[in-house]
Amino acid sequence: MKFKRIAIIGKYPAAIESSEMDSQLIDLIKYLSKSDYELIIEEKTQKKIKIDDYQSTPLKSIGAAADIAIIVGGDGTMLGVARNLLDDGIPMIGVNSGRFGFLADLNKKNMFTSIDKVLNGNYDEDRRLLIETKVYRGDKVIYESFALNDVVIKSGVRLIELEVSINDKFVHTQRSDGIIVSTPTGTTAYALSAGGPILHPQLDAISIVPINPHTLSNRPIAINATSEIEIKIVQMEEASLSIDGQIKFPLDIRDKIQVTKAKRTISILHPKDYCYFEMLRNKLHWG
């Protein structure tokens, strides 16, 4: 596939000097402008780097305006952008300027070479599944959202008691600090810190990971992604639902949370020489 209209999206994490991010984005824009591409700069990014020579578009409208999006930032940036581009389904390239870069995998040193490879058609498409979450209060859906990484139900102060069912089959009641329902993408995020397994991104599976369970025999499990997960709140003082660690929704003891595989996916493009296991070795410091 040939890409003509390219969207540039930046982010400015506190851990990175703004001038460094500005310079990286400006260098990327100047480099791409030498070729026959139509560049579209995300609205907030353009205001920050103060380049007014290109079309500016709000993030929500990027998907309809561009053929591909290049995101300069960290994994959190990729997560937020991915949810905003869902309706249009354009592919993404991630340039890592954050801490880990499990999703934003291109580094600053090879940025131009790697982007050239992808834009010239020398890439592998990496389709990632998403999960859809609905919060029911009685028969009414009071909240719904998509997640690329995970859905987390977490207590505020004390342990929360949750009843978990899969495909209408009772699994268990657990007392814990909460529970993580994770996509394969999210298994290298919060779920990994909570002791969950790493699932390869191409697995059609979802992991369910307890957070500090009161009963030590309560272990993470992986299930088919086509399964329907239902979580009921049995006892709580305070609890919330978190989507990709970025969106927070307060929960009530009357609430029931349903998590299913979304019909939509997101697409990340990697150069042909990209290796998932090499990325894991580098990021997790394996031998």
C-alpha atoms as a PDB file:
ATOM      1  CA  MET A   1       0.000   0.000   0.000  1.00  0.00           C
ATOM      2  CA  LYS A   2       1.279   3.470  -0.901  1.00  0.00           C
ATOM      3  CA  PHE A   3       0.840   6.210   1.664  1.00  0.00           C
ATOM      4  CA  LYS A   4       0.272   9.745   0.431  1.00  0.00           C
ATOM      5  CA  ARG A   5      -1.282  11.645   3.342  1.00  0.00           C
ATOM      6  CA  ILE A   6       0.760  11.322   6.537  1.00  0.00           C
ATOM      7  CA  ALA A   7      -0.382  12.555   9.942  1.00  0.00           C
ATOM      8  CA  ILE A   8       2.241  13.569  12.519  1.00  0.00           C
ATOM      9  CA  ILE A   9       1.243  13.343  16.183  1.00  0.00           C
ATOM     10  CA  GLY A  10       3.480  14.252  19.135  1.00  0.00           C
ATOM     11  CA  LYS A  11       3.381  14.013  22.893  1.00  0.00           C
ATOM     12  CA  TYR A  12       5.380  15.722  25.610  1.00  0.00           C
ATOM     13  CA  PRO A  13       5.987  13.433  28.619  1.00  0.00           C
ATOM     14  CA  ALA A  14       7.317  15.128  31.742  1.00  0.00           C
ATOM     15  CA  ALA A  15      10.404  12.902  31.661  1.00  0.00           C
ATOM     16  CA  ILE A  16      11.541  14.422  28.369  1.00  0.00           C
ATOM     17  CA  GLU A  17      12.661  17.974  27.837  1.00  0.00           C
ATOM     18  CA  SER A  18      10.161  19.753  25.620  1.00  0.00           C
ATOM     19  CA  SER A  19      12.919  21.157  23.414  1.00  0.00           C
ATOM     20  CA  GLU A  20      14.168  17.625  22.681  1.00  0.00           C
ATOM     21  CA  MET A  21      10.697  16.486  21.596  1.00  0.00           C
ATOM     22  CA  ASP A  22      10.201  19.683  19.566  1.00  0.00           C
ATOM     23  CA  SER A  23      13.467  19.094  17.747  1.00  0.00           C
ATOM     24  CA  GLN A  24      12.631  15.464  16.986  1.00  0.00           C
ATOM     25  CA  LEU A  25       9.241  16.358  15.549  1.00  0.00           C
ATOM     26  CA  ILE A  26      10.580  19.274  13.522  1.00  0.00           C
ATOM     27  CA  ASP A  27      13.374  17.092  12.102  1.00  0.00           C
ATOM     28  CA  LEU A  28      10.818  14.438  11.132  1.00  0.00           C
ATOM     29  CA  ILE A  29       8.514  16.965   9.457  1.00  0.00           C
ATOM     30  CA  LYS A  30      11.397  18.573   7.530  1.00  0.00           C
ATOM     31  CA  TYR A  31      12.649  15.155   6.431  1.00  0.00           C
ATOM     32  CA  LEU A  32       9.257  13.973   5.158  1.00  0.00           C
ATOM     33  CA  SER A  33       8.532  17.310   3.475  1.00  0.00           C
ATOM     34  CA  LYS A  34      11.430  16.624   1.078  1.00  0.00           C
ATOM     35  CA  SER A  35       9.378  13.833  -0.486  1.00  0.00           C
ATOM     36  CA  ASP A  36       6.053  13.964  -2.258  1.00  0.00           C
ATOM     37  CA  TYR A  37       3.906  13.492   0.853  1.00  0.00           C
ATOM     38  CA  GLU A  38       0.970  15.540   2.077  1.00  0.00           C
ATOM     39  CA  LEU A  39       1.699  16.223   5.741  1.00  0.00           C
ATOM     40  CA  ILE A  40      -1.064  16.759   8.287  1.00  0.00           C
ATOM     41  CA  ILE A  41       0.006  17.926  11.751  1.00  0.00           C
ATOM     42  CA  GLU A  42      -2.185  17.111  14.735  1.00  0.00           C
ATOM     43  CA  GLU A  43      -3.624  20.355  16.099  1.00  0.00           C
ATOM     44  CA  LYS A  44      -2.014  20.368  19.583  1.00  0.00           C
ATOM     45  CA  THR A  45       1.296  19.175  18.165  1.00  0.00           C
ATOM     46  CA  GLN A  46       1.346  22.054  15.687  1.00  0.00           C
ATOM     47  CA  LYS A  47       0.634  24.613  18.412  1.00  0.00           C
ATOM     48  CA  LYS A  48       3.491  23.256  20.505  1.00  0.00           C
ATOM     49  CA  ILE A  49       6.164  23.187  17.801  1.00  0.00           C
ATOM     50  CA  LYS A  50       4.873  26.365  16.134  1.00  0.00           C
ATOM     51  CA  ILE A  51       5.081  25.191  12.519  1.00  0.00           C
ATOM     52  CA  ASP A  52       2.233  26.715  10.533  1.00  0.00           C
ATOM     53  CA  ASP A  53       3.181  25.654   7.000  1.00  0.00           C
ATOM     54  CA  TYR A  54       1.057  22.489   7.008  1.00  0.00           C
ATOM     55  CA  GLN A  55      -2.557  21.471   7.393  1.00  0.00           C
ATOM     56  CA  SER A  56      -3.613  21.194  11.032  1.00  0.00           C
ATOM     57  CA  THR A  57      -6.305  18.739  12.165  1.00  0.00           C
ATOM     58  CA  PRO A  58      -7.771  17.796  15.583  1.00  0.00           C
ATOM     59  CA  LEU A  59      -6.874  14.284  16.761  1.00  0.00           C
ATOM     60  CA  LYS A  60     -10.455  13.034  16.368  1.00  0.00           C
ATOM     61  CA  SER A  61     -10.388  13.991  12.675  1.00  0.00           C
ATOM     62  CA  ILE A  62      -6.941  12.604  11.824  1.00  0.00           C
ATOM     63  CA  GLY A  63      -8.302   9.212  10.737  1.00  0.00           C
ATOM     64  CA  ALA A  64     -10.497  10.724   8.050  1.00  0.00           C
ATOM     65  CA  ALA A  65      -7.784  13.078   6.803  1.00  0.00           C
ATOM     66  CA  ALA A  66      -4.737  10.782   6.581  1.00  0.00           C
ATOM     67  CA  ASP A  67      -3.655   7.394   5.197  1.00  0.00           C
ATOM     68  CA  ILE A  68      -1.252   6.681   8.054  1.00  0.00           C
ATOM     69  CA  ALA A  69      -0.292   8.236  11.395  1.00  0.00           C
ATOM     70  CA  ILE A  70       3.251   8.576  12.735  1.00  0.00           C
ATOM     71  CA  ILE A  71       3.204   8.954  16.512  1.00  0.00           C
ATOM     72  CA  VAL A  72       6.235  10.363  18.326  1.00  0.00           C
ATOM     73  CA  GLY A  73       5.948   9.641  22.033  1.00  0.00           C
ATOM     74  CA  GLY A  74       5.610   6.666  24.337  1.00  0.00           C
ATOM     75  CA  ASP A  75       3.247   3.731  24.666  1.00  0.00           C
ATOM     76  CA  GLY A  76       0.718   5.893  26.506  1.00  0.00           C
ATOM     77  CA  THR A  77       0.585   8.211  23.512  1.00  0.00           C
ATOM     78  CA  MET A  78       0.024   5.243  21.204  1.00  0.00           C
ATOM     79  CA  LEU A  79      -2.830   3.969  23.391  1.00  0.00           C
ATOM     80  CA  GLY A  80      -4.644   7.303  23.399  1.00  0.00           C
ATOM     81  CA  VAL A  81      -4.180   7.847  19.668  1.00  0.00           C
ATOM     82  CA  ALA A  82      -5.283   4.291  18.845  1.00  0.00           C
ATOM     83  CA  ARG A  83      -8.637   4.764  20.575  1.00  0.00           C
ATOM     84  CA  ASN A  84      -9.175   8.033  18.711  1.00  0.00           C
ATOM     85  CA  LEU A  85      -8.410   6.466  15.318  1.00  0.00           C
ATOM     86  CA  LEU A  86     -10.583   3.376  15.786  1.00  0.00           C
ATOM     87  CA  ASP A  87     -13.487   4.502  13.628  1.00  0.00           C
ATOM     88  CA  ASP A  88     -11.298   5.073  10.562  1.00  0.00           C
ATOM     89  CA  GLY A  89      -8.832   2.240  11.082  1.00  0.00           C
ATOM     90  CA  ILE A  90      -5.742   3.892   9.619  1.00  0.00           C
ATOM     91  CA  PRO A  91      -2.404   2.191  10.470  1.00  0.00           C
ATOM     92  CA  MET A  92       0.119   3.677  12.880  1.00  0.00           C
ATOM     93  CA  ILE A  93       3.903   3.895  13.158  1.00  0.00           C
ATOM     94  CA  GLY A  94       5.287   4.483  16.652  1.00  0.00           C
ATOM     95  CA  VAL A  95       8.552   6.329  17.351  1.00  0.00           C
ATOM     96  CA  ASN A  96       9.552   5.829  20.961  1.00  0.00           C
ATOM     97  CA  SER A  97      10.417   8.844  23.090  1.00  0.00           C
ATOM     98  CA  GLY A  98       9.148   7.330  26.328  1.00  0.00           C
ATOM     99  CA  ARG A  99      10.509   4.780  28.788  1.00  0.00           C
ATOM    100  CA  PHE A 100       9.692   1.373  27.332  1.00  0.00           C
ATOM    101  CA  GLY A 101       8.408   1.401  23.780  1.00  0.00           C
ATOM    102  CA  PHE A 102       6.555  -1.916  23.583  1.00  0.00           C
ATOM    103  CA  LEU A 103       4.134  -0.313  21.096  1.00  0.00           C
ATOM    104  CA  ALA A 104       6.147   2.687  19.904  1.00  0.00           C
ATOM    105  CA  ASP A 105       9.047   0.509  18.818  1.00  0.00           C
ATOM    106  CA  LEU A 106      11.144   2.681  16.457  1.00  0.00           C
ATOM    107  CA  ASN A 107      14.007   4.493  18.163  1.00  0.00           C
ATOM    108  CA  LYS A 108      15.303   7.968  17.461  1.00  0.00           C
ATOM    109  CA  LYS A 109      18.560   6.727  15.949  1.00  0.00           C
ATOM    110  CA  ASN A 110      16.953   4.677  13.169  1.00  0.00           C
ATOM    111  CA  MET A 111      13.788   6.777  12.844  1.00  0.00           C
ATOM    112  CA  PHE A 112      14.278   8.024   9.278  1.00  0.00           C
ATOM    113  CA  THR A 113      15.551   4.717   7.876  1.00  0.00           C
ATOM    114  CA  SER A 114      12.754   2.704   9.483  1.00  0.00           C
ATOM    115  CA  ILE A 115       9.995   5.126   8.464  1.00  0.00           C
ATOM    116  CA  ASP A 116      11.290   5.135   4.872  1.00  0.00           C
ATOM    117  CA  LYS A 117      11.095   1.335   4.786  1.00  0.00           C
ATOM    118  CA  VAL A 118       7.496   1.343   5.983  1.00  0.00           C
ATOM    119  CA  LEU A 119       6.321   4.183   3.742  1.00  0.00           C
ATOM    120  CA  ASN A 120       7.916   2.455   0.735  1.00  0.00           C
ATOM    121  CA  GLY A 121       5.937  -0.706   1.405  1.00  0.00           C
ATOM    122  CA  ASN A 122       8.660  -2.739   3.126  1.00  0.00           C
ATOM    123  CA  TYR A 123       6.684  -3.503   6.288  1.00  0.00           C
ATOM    124  CA  ASP A 124       4.790  -6.125   8.243  1.00  0.00           C
ATOM    125  CA  GLU A 125       1.311  -5.306   9.486  1.00  0.00           C
ATOM    126  CA  ASP A 126       0.715  -6.099  13.137  1.00  0.00           C
ATOM    127  CA  ARG A 127      -3.002  -6.244  13.935  1.00  0.00           C
ATOM    128  CA  ARG A 128      -3.826  -5.958  17.632  1.00  0.00           C
ATOM    129  CA  LEU A 129      -7.122  -6.995  19.179  1.00  0.00           C
ATOM    130  CA  LEU A 130      -9.067  -4.667  21.440  1.00  0.00           C
ATOM    131  CA  ILE A 131     -11.551  -5.369  24.189  1.00  0.00           C
ATOM    132  CA  GLU A 132     -14.891  -3.672  24.617  1.00  0.00           C
ATOM    133  CA  THR A 133     -16.201  -2.898  28.073  1.00  0.00           C
ATOM    134  CA  LYS A 134     -19.744  -2.120  29.153  1.00  0.00           C
ATOM    135  CA  VAL A 135     -20.851  -1.182  32.652  1.00  0.00           C
ATOM    136  CA  TYR A 136     -24.432  -2.178  33.457  1.00  0.00           C
ATOM    137  CA  ARG A 137     -26.478  -0.717  36.282  1.00  0.00           C
ATOM    138  CA  GLY A 138     -29.590  -2.830  36.245  1.00  0.00           C
ATOM    139  CA  ASP A 139     -30.455  -3.335  32.578  1.00  0.00           C
ATOM    140  CA  LYS A 140     -29.006  -0.010  31.497  1.00  0.00           C
ATOM    141  CA  VAL A 141     -25.534   0.501  30.010  1.00  0.00           C
ATOM    142  CA  ILE A 142     -24.129   3.520  31.871  1.00  0.00           C
ATOM    143  CA  TYR A 143     -20.621   3.443  30.394  1.00  0.00           C
ATOM    144  CA  GLU A 144     -18.801   1.778  27.498  1.00  0.00           C
ATOM    145  CA  SER A 145     -15.341   2.045  25.995  1.00  0.00           C
ATOM    146  CA  PHE A 146     -12.640   0.227  24.024  1.00  0.00           C
ATOM    147  CA  ALA A 147      -9.226  -0.710  25.412  1.00  0.00           C
ATOM    148  CA  LEU A 148      -6.029  -1.696  23.619  1.00  0.00           C
ATOM    149  CA  ASN A 149      -4.098  -2.606  26.770  1.00  0.00           C
ATOM    150  CA  ASP A 150      -6.394  -3.462  29.627  1.00  0.00           C
ATOM    151  CA  VAL A 151      -9.489  -2.910  31.711  1.00  0.00           C
ATOM    152  CA  VAL A 152      -8.827  -2.651  35.444  1.00  0.00           C
ATOM    153  CA  ILE A 153     -11.341  -2.793  38.281  1.00  0.00           C
ATOM    154  CA  LYS A 154      -9.609  -1.541  41.397  1.00  0.00           C
ATOM    155  CA  SER A 155     -10.547  -0.800  44.983  1.00  0.00           C
ATOM    156  CA  GLY A 156     -10.002   2.598  46.465  1.00  0.00           C
ATOM    157  CA  VAL A 157      -9.097   1.878  50.101  1.00  0.00           C
ATOM    158  CA  ARG A 158      -9.859  -1.675  51.240  1.00  0.00           C
ATOM    159  CA  LEU A 159     -10.183  -5.034  49.510  1.00  0.00           C
ATOM    160  CA  ILE A 160     -12.945  -5.391  46.948  1.00  0.00           C
ATOM    161  CA  GLU A 161     -14.947  -8.601  46.499  1.00  0.00           C
ATOM    162  CA  LEU A 162     -15.724  -9.574  42.908  1.00  0.00           C
ATOM    163  CA  GLU A 163     -17.634 -12.434  41.298  1.00  0.00           C
ATOM    164  CA  VAL A 164     -16.193 -13.556  37.963  1.00  0.00           C
ATOM    165  CA  SER A 165     -18.066 -15.530  35.299  1.00  0.00           C
ATOM    166  CA  ILE A 166     -16.939 -16.588  31.825  1.00  0.00           C
ATOM    167  CA  ASN A 167     -19.565 -17.449  29.179  1.00  0.00           C
ATOM    168  CA  ASP A 168     -22.208 -17.527  31.929  1.00  0.00           C
ATOM    169  CA  LYS A 169     -20.170 -20.099  33.888  1.00  0.00           C
ATOM    170  CA  PHE A 170     -19.233 -19.135  37.439  1.00  0.00           C
ATOM    171  CA  VAL A 171     -15.444 -19.053  37.905  1.00  0.00           C
ATOM    172  CA  HIS A 172     -14.866 -17.745  41.422  1.00  0.00           C
ATOM    173  CA  THR A 173     -15.430 -15.023  43.957  1.00  0.00           C
ATOM    174  CA  GLN A 174     -12.236 -13.222  44.858  1.00  0.00           C
ATOM    175  CA  ARG A 175     -11.205 -10.696  47.473  1.00  0.00           C
ATOM    176  CA  SER A 176      -8.329  -8.580  46.256  1.00  0.00           C
ATOM    177  CA  ASP A 177      -7.185  -5.064  45.431  1.00  0.00           C
ATOM    178  CA  GLY A 178      -8.826  -5.560  42.027  1.00  0.00           C
ATOM    179  CA  ILE A 179      -8.623  -7.407  38.746  1.00  0.00           C
ATOM    180  CA  ILE A 180      -7.008  -6.796  35.348  1.00  0.00           C
ATOM    181  CA  VAL A 181      -8.550  -8.002  32.090  1.00  0.00           C
ATOM    182  CA  SER A 182      -5.812  -7.676  29.511  1.00  0.00           C
ATOM    183  CA  THR A 183      -5.323  -8.039  25.777  1.00  0.00           C
ATOM    184  CA  PRO A 184      -2.074  -9.683  24.588  1.00  0.00           C
ATOM    185  CA  THR A 185      -0.774  -6.140  24.002  1.00  0.00           C
ATOM    186  CA  GLY A 186      -1.484  -5.240  27.624  1.00  0.00           C
ATOM    187  CA  THR A 187       0.260  -8.276  29.083  1.00  0.00           C
ATOM    188  CA  THR A 188       3.565  -6.360  29.025  1.00  0.00           C
ATOM    189  CA  ALA A 189       1.972  -3.481  30.964  1.00  0.00           C
ATOM    190  CA  TYR A 190       0.165  -3.462  34.351  1.00  0.00           C
ATOM    191  CA  ALA A 191      -0.750  -7.154  34.071  1.00  0.00           C
ATOM    192  CA  LEU A 192       2.948  -8.078  33.920  1.00  0.00           C
ATOM    193  CA  SER A 193       3.635  -6.128  37.119  1.00  0.00           C
ATOM    194  CA  ALA A 194       0.793  -8.025  38.811  1.00  0.00           C
ATOM    195  CA  GLY A 195       2.347 -11.383  37.915  1.00  0.00           C
ATOM    196  CA  GLY A 196       0.410 -12.147  34.746  1.00  0.00           C
ATOM    197  CA  PRO A 197       1.742 -14.065  31.729  1.00  0.00           C
ATOM    198  CA  ILE A 198       3.144 -12.478  28.579  1.00  0.00           C
ATOM    199  CA  LEU A 199       0.893 -13.379  25.641  1.00  0.00           C
ATOM    200  CA  HIS A 200       2.216 -13.030  22.096  1.00  0.00           C
ATOM    201  CA  PRO A 201       0.315 -10.243  20.289  1.00  0.00           C
ATOM    202  CA  GLN A 202      -0.983 -12.641  17.624  1.00  0.00           C
ATOM    203  CA  LEU A 203      -2.683 -14.924  20.164  1.00  0.00           C
ATOM    204  CA  ASP A 204      -6.465 -14.668  20.119  1.00  0.00           C
ATOM    205  CA  ALA A 205      -6.571 -14.659  23.896  1.00  0.00           C
ATOM    206  CA  ILE A 206      -7.288 -12.525  26.950  1.00  0.00           C
ATOM    207  CA  SER A 207      -5.702 -12.781  30.389  1.00  0.00           C
ATOM    208  CA  ILE A 208      -7.450 -12.256  33.722  1.00  0.00           C
ATOM    209  CA  VAL A 209      -5.041 -11.248  36.478  1.00  0.00           C
ATOM    210  CA  PRO A 210      -5.932 -10.633  40.151  1.00  0.00           C
ATOM    211  CA  ILE A 211      -4.245  -7.717  41.914  1.00  0.00           C
ATOM    212  CA  ASN A 212      -2.886  -8.740  45.325  1.00  0.00           C
ATOM    213  CA  PRO A 213      -5.492 -11.475  45.945  1.00  0.00           C
ATOM    214  CA  HIS A 214      -6.316 -12.336  49.559  1.00  0.00           C
ATOM    215  CA  THR A 215      -6.122 -16.042  48.660  1.00  0.00           C
ATOM    216  CA  LEU A 216      -2.696 -16.886  47.224  1.00  0.00           C
ATOM    217  CA  SER A 217      -4.132 -19.772  45.170  1.00  0.00           C
ATOM    218  CA  ASN A 218      -6.044 -17.226  43.077  1.00  0.00           C
ATOM    219  CA  ARG A 219      -3.864 -17.203  39.954  1.00  0.00           C
ATOM    220  CA  PRO A 220      -3.896 -15.468  36.537  1.00  0.00           C
ATOM    221  CA  ILE A 221      -5.661 -17.333  33.751  1.00  0.00           C
ATOM    222  CA  ALA A 222      -5.699 -16.968  29.949  1.00  0.00           C
ATOM    223  CA  ILE A 223      -8.873 -17.644  27.981  1.00  0.00           C
ATOM    224  CA  ASN A 224     -10.073 -17.572  24.398  1.00  0.00           C
ATOM    225  CA  ALA A 225     -10.657 -13.967  23.304  1.00  0.00           C
ATOM    226  CA  THR A 226     -14.136 -14.855  22.026  1.00  0.00           C
ATOM    227  CA  SER A 227     -15.228 -15.487  25.623  1.00  0.00           C
ATOM    228  CA  GLU A 228     -17.603 -13.132  27.409  1.00  0.00           C
ATOM    229  CA  ILE A 229     -16.355 -12.050  30.826  1.00  0.00           C
ATOM    230  CA  GLU A 230     -18.769 -10.786  33.445  1.00  0.00           C
ATOM    231  CA  ILE A 231     -17.619  -9.265  36.726  1.00  0.00           C
ATOM    232  CA  LYS A 232     -20.063  -8.391  39.493  1.00  0.00           C
ATOM    233  CA  ILE A 233     -19.217  -6.289  42.515  1.00  0.00           C
ATOM    234  CA  VAL A 234     -20.153  -8.205  45.670  1.00  0.00           C
ATOM    235  CA  GLN A 235     -18.642  -5.921  48.297  1.00  0.00           C
ATOM    236  CA  MET A 236     -16.793  -2.608  48.131  1.00  0.00           C
ATOM    237  CA  GLU A 237     -16.239   0.703  49.856  1.00  0.00           C
ATOM    238  CA  GLU A 238     -14.879   2.493  46.822  1.00  0.00           C
ATOM    239  CA  ALA A 239     -13.926   1.230  43.368  1.00  0.00           C
ATOM    240  CA  SER A 240     -13.256   2.460  39.851  1.00  0.00           C
ATOM    241  CA  LEU A 241     -12.905   1.172  36.322  1.00  0.00           C
ATOM    242  CA  SER A 242      -9.782   2.148  34.390  1.00  0.00           C
ATOM    243  CA  ILE A 243      -9.374   1.965  30.603  1.00  0.00           C
ATOM    244  CA  ASP A 244      -5.738   1.666  29.455  1.00  0.00           C
ATOM    245  CA  GLY A 245      -4.723   3.510  32.616  1.00  0.00           C
ATOM    246  CA  GLN A 246      -5.999   6.726  31.004  1.00  0.00           C
ATOM    247  CA  ILE A 247      -9.755   6.851  31.540  1.00  0.00           C
ATOM    248  CA  LYS A 248     -11.282   6.412  34.990  1.00  0.00           C
ATOM    249  CA  PHE A 249     -14.939   5.690  35.720  1.00  0.00           C
ATOM    250  CA  PRO A 250     -16.360   5.438  39.296  1.00  0.00           C
ATOM    251  CA  LEU A 251     -18.191   2.203  40.091  1.00  0.00           C
ATOM    252  CA  ASP A 252     -21.180   1.456  42.319  1.00  0.00           C
ATOM    253  CA  ILE A 253     -21.937  -1.777  44.170  1.00  0.00           C
ATOM    254  CA  ARG A 254     -24.921  -2.263  41.831  1.00  0.00           C
ATOM    255  CA  ASP A 255     -22.675  -2.389  38.754  1.00  0.00           C
ATOM    256  CA  LYS A 256     -21.905  -5.340  36.512  1.00  0.00           C
ATOM    257  CA  ILE A 257     -18.952  -5.125  34.116  1.00  0.00           C
ATOM    258  CA  GLN A 258     -18.980  -7.021  30.835  1.00  0.00           C
ATOM    259  CA  VAL A 259     -15.782  -7.436  28.806  1.00  0.00           C
ATOM    260  CA  THR A 260     -15.736  -8.911  25.287  1.00  0.00           C
ATOM    261  CA  LYS A 261     -13.440  -8.955  22.274  1.00  0.00           C
ATOM    262  CA  ALA A 262     -14.106  -5.937  20.070  1.00  0.00           C
ATOM    263  CA  LYS A 263     -15.004  -6.421  16.434  1.00  0.00           C
ATOM    264  CA  ARG A 264     -12.447  -3.781  15.463  1.00  0.00           C
ATOM    265  CA  THR A 265      -8.652  -4.016  15.593  1.00  0.00           C
ATOM    266  CA  ILE A 266      -5.828  -1.523  15.340  1.00  0.00           C
ATOM    267  CA  SER A 267      -2.903  -1.826  12.953  1.00  0.00           C
ATOM    268  CA  ILE A 268       0.743  -1.066  13.765  1.00  0.00           C
ATOM    269  CA  LEU A 269       3.277  -1.179  10.933  1.00  0.00           C
ATOM    270  CA  HIS A 270       6.816  -2.427  11.583  1.00  0.00           C
ATOM    271  CA  PRO A 271       9.851  -2.603   9.275  1.00  0.00           C
ATOM    272  CA  LYS A 272      10.412  -6.122   7.903  1.00  0.00           C
ATOM    273  CA  ASP A 273      13.360  -6.678  10.234  1.00  0.00           C
ATOM    274  CA  TYR A 274      11.254  -6.096  13.369  1.00  0.00           C
ATOM    275  CA  CYS A 275      11.307  -9.006  15.844  1.00  0.00           C
ATOM    276  CA  TYR A 276       8.888  -9.137  18.783  1.00  0.00           C
ATOM    277  CA  PHE A 277      11.187 -11.371  20.834  1.00  0.00           C
ATOM    278  CA  GLU A 278      14.180  -9.102  20.259  1.00  0.00           C
ATOM    279  CA  MET A 279      12.042  -6.224  21.494  1.00  0.00           C
ATOM    280  CA  LEU A 280      11.162  -8.201  24.649  1.00  0.00           C
ATOM    281  CA  ARG A 281      14.816  -9.052  25.266  1.00  0.00           C
ATOM    282  CA  ASN A 282      15.815  -5.410  25.005  1.00  0.00           C
ATOM    283  CA  LYS A 283      12.960  -3.942  27.038  1.00  0.00           C
ATOM    284  CA  LEU A 284      12.924  -6.562  29.801  1.00  0.00           C
ATOM    285  CA  HIS A 285      16.715  -6.979  29.892  1.00  0.00           C
ATOM    286  CA  TRP A 286      16.662 -10.713  29.229  1.00  0.00           C
ATOM    287  CA  GLY A 287      19.936 -12.486  28.652  1.00  0.00           C
END
